[in-house]
């Protein structure tokens, strides 16, 4: 008689474990028509990401990014600098892992490492544009550089 409740208990436990393991599909944000327009651009944009107060600069040569930044991205001031720095650190870490593994990840997407030191204050503008480039990149190339859904 004591074996029946044990079997029922094990069955209930396994059933609840299998149900809890059936999470929903990964969340994907729909790409708007304006974003599709930005992604379809073929003329190269060159964006200089620099802070006049610092000597740091990043150049991004990506068709459509400037259009996307001006028309789709959240405006400057929307995010705090600490938010941008935290996200950039996560994205840069994953980017550099992928850039160092050209046989595992597309070397055409991850051509160069990004030298980003979390102990340096790059200023708001550098962090803002770098963060938005990561969002643009993830949405355009259907990549996931971190645990967060790349949303606008």
Protein backbone atom coordinates (compact mmCIF):
# COMPACT_ATOMS: atom_id res chain seq x y z
CA UNK A 1 0.00 0.00 0.00
CA UNK A 2 2.81 2.46 0.73
CA UNK A 3 4.31 2.05 -2.76
CA UNK A 4 1.27 3.48 -4.54
CA UNK A 5 1.54 6.99 -3.02
CA UNK A 6 5.27 6.98 -3.80
CA UNK A 7 4.61 6.16 -7.45
CA UNK A 8 1.83 8.73 -7.65
CA UNK A 9 4.11 11.31 -6.00
CA UNK A 10 6.92 10.55 -8.46
CA UNK A 11 4.51 10.75 -11.38
CA UNK A 12 3.14 14.11 -10.21
CA UNK A 13 6.69 15.39 -9.68
CA UNK A 14 7.85 14.29 -13.16
CA UNK A 15 4.71 15.68 -14.76
CA UNK A 16 5.15 19.06 -13.07
CA UNK A 17 8.84 19.08 -14.00
CA UNK A 18 8.08 18.42 -17.66
CA UNK A 19 5.35 21.08 -17.75
CA UNK A 20 7.59 23.69 -16.14
CA UNK A 21 10.29 22.92 -18.70
CA UNK A 22 7.95 23.83 -21.53
CA UNK A 23 8.57 27.55 -21.55
CA UNK A 24 7.29 29.72 -24.30
CA UNK A 25 9.29 30.42 -27.42
CA UNK A 26 12.01 33.05 -27.27
CA UNK A 27 10.55 36.51 -27.41
CA UNK A 28 11.15 38.19 -30.73
CA UNK A 29 10.34 41.79 -31.50
CA UNK A 30 8.72 42.45 -34.83
CA UNK A 31 10.73 44.57 -37.22
CA UNK A 32 8.84 47.66 -38.32
CA UNK A 33 8.65 48.88 -41.91
CA UNK A 34 10.92 51.81 -41.02
CA UNK A 35 13.50 49.39 -39.64
CA UNK A 36 13.27 47.25 -42.75
CA UNK A 37 13.95 50.40 -44.77
CA UNK A 38 17.04 51.14 -42.66
CA UNK A 39 18.26 47.53 -42.93
CA UNK A 40 17.83 47.58 -46.71
CA UNK A 41 20.13 50.57 -47.21
CA UNK A 42 23.31 49.70 -49.08
CA UNK A 43 25.13 53.01 -49.06
CA UNK A 44 27.69 53.02 -46.28
CA UNK A 45 27.15 55.32 -43.34
CA UNK A 46 30.15 56.27 -41.29
CA UNK A 47 29.31 57.21 -37.74
CA UNK A 48 31.98 58.64 -35.52
CA UNK A 49 31.28 57.89 -31.90
CA UNK A 50 33.32 60.27 -29.82
CA UNK A 51 33.10 62.36 -26.71
CA UNK A 52 34.73 65.77 -26.96
CA UNK A 53 35.78 65.55 -23.30
CA UNK A 54 37.65 62.29 -23.83
CA UNK A 55 40.10 61.03 -26.41
CA UNK A 56 38.04 57.94 -27.25
CA UNK A 57 36.44 57.39 -30.62
CA UNK A 58 34.74 54.53 -32.39
CA UNK A 59 34.00 54.48 -36.11
CA UNK A 60 31.05 52.46 -37.32
CA UNK A 61 30.70 51.90 -41.04
CA UNK A 62 27.33 50.27 -41.48
CA UNK A 63 24.75 51.00 -44.18
CA UNK A 64 21.53 52.23 -42.63
CA UNK A 65 22.78 52.71 -39.08
CA UNK A 66 22.73 56.51 -39.16
CA UNK A 67 19.18 56.50 -40.57
CA UNK A 68 18.13 53.97 -37.92
CA UNK A 69 19.79 55.98 -35.14
CA UNK A 70 18.06 59.20 -36.21
CA UNK A 71 14.62 57.74 -36.91
CA UNK A 72 14.13 54.56 -34.87
CA UNK A 73 16.35 54.58 -31.77
CA UNK A 74 15.25 56.09 -28.48
CA UNK A 75 16.47 59.69 -28.18
CA UNK A 76 19.57 60.70 -26.27
CA UNK A 77 18.75 61.05 -22.59
CA UNK A 78 16.23 58.19 -22.64
CA UNK A 79 18.67 55.80 -20.93
CA UNK A 80 20.97 56.58 -18.02
CA UNK A 81 24.70 56.37 -18.60
CA UNK A 82 25.02 53.56 -16.03
CA UNK A 83 22.37 51.52 -17.90
CA UNK A 84 24.23 52.02 -21.18
CA UNK A 85 27.59 51.13 -19.62
CA UNK A 86 26.22 47.93 -18.08
CA UNK A 87 24.60 46.78 -21.30
CA UNK A 88 27.63 47.73 -23.38
CA UNK A 89 29.89 45.68 -21.11
CA UNK A 90 27.69 42.62 -21.63
CA UNK A 91 27.45 43.13 -25.37
CA UNK A 92 31.17 43.84 -25.82
CA UNK A 93 32.11 40.72 -23.86
CA UNK A 94 29.93 38.50 -26.05
CA UNK A 95 31.03 40.32 -29.22
CA UNK A 96 34.70 39.73 -28.40
CA UNK A 97 34.07 36.05 -27.67
CA UNK A 98 32.50 35.71 -31.10
CA UNK A 99 35.21 37.75 -32.81
CA UNK A 100 37.82 35.41 -31.37
CA UNK A 101 36.04 32.31 -32.73
CA UNK A 102 35.79 32.80 -36.51
CA UNK A 103 35.05 29.12 -37.11
CA UNK A 104 32.04 29.20 -34.78
CA UNK A 105 30.65 32.64 -35.63
CA UNK A 106 30.40 34.47 -38.93
CA UNK A 107 33.71 36.35 -39.31
CA UNK A 108 31.97 38.80 -41.66
CA UNK A 109 29.76 39.90 -38.76
CA UNK A 110 32.38 39.86 -36.02
CA UNK A 111 35.44 41.17 -37.83
CA UNK A 112 37.25 43.04 -35.06
CA UNK A 113 37.39 42.97 -31.29
CA UNK A 114 36.09 45.97 -29.39
CA UNK A 115 38.41 47.44 -26.78
CA UNK A 116 35.96 48.61 -24.11
CA UNK A 117 37.20 49.02 -20.54
CA UNK A 118 34.41 49.28 -17.95
CA UNK A 119 36.73 51.29 -15.70
CA UNK A 120 36.98 54.14 -18.20
CA UNK A 121 34.33 56.83 -18.44
CA UNK A 122 33.74 57.14 -22.18
CA UNK A 123 30.98 59.67 -21.71
CA UNK A 124 27.29 59.51 -22.53
CA UNK A 125 27.48 59.95 -26.30
CA UNK A 126 29.96 57.12 -26.85
CA UNK A 127 27.94 54.74 -24.67
CA UNK A 128 24.64 55.83 -26.24
CA UNK A 129 25.76 55.26 -29.83
CA UNK A 130 27.62 52.04 -29.05
CA UNK A 131 24.57 50.63 -27.26
CA UNK A 132 22.32 51.58 -30.14
CA UNK A 133 24.70 50.02 -32.62
CA UNK A 134 24.47 46.76 -30.68
CA UNK A 135 20.66 46.95 -30.79
CA UNK A 136 20.72 47.76 -34.52
CA UNK A 137 23.18 44.94 -35.21
CA UNK A 138 21.19 42.36 -33.26
CA UNK A 139 17.93 43.29 -34.91
CA UNK A 140 19.34 43.55 -38.44
CA UNK A 141 21.35 40.32 -38.38
CA UNK A 142 19.05 38.38 -36.06
CA UNK A 143 21.77 37.91 -33.45
CA UNK A 144 21.51 37.71 -29.66
CA UNK A 145 24.49 39.15 -27.78
CA UNK A 146 23.06 38.76 -24.32
CA UNK A 147 20.15 37.60 -22.24
CA UNK A 148 18.00 40.58 -23.23
CA UNK A 149 15.68 40.79 -26.21
CA UNK A 150 17.08 43.60 -28.38
CA UNK A 151 14.19 46.01 -28.37
CA UNK A 152 13.72 49.64 -29.17
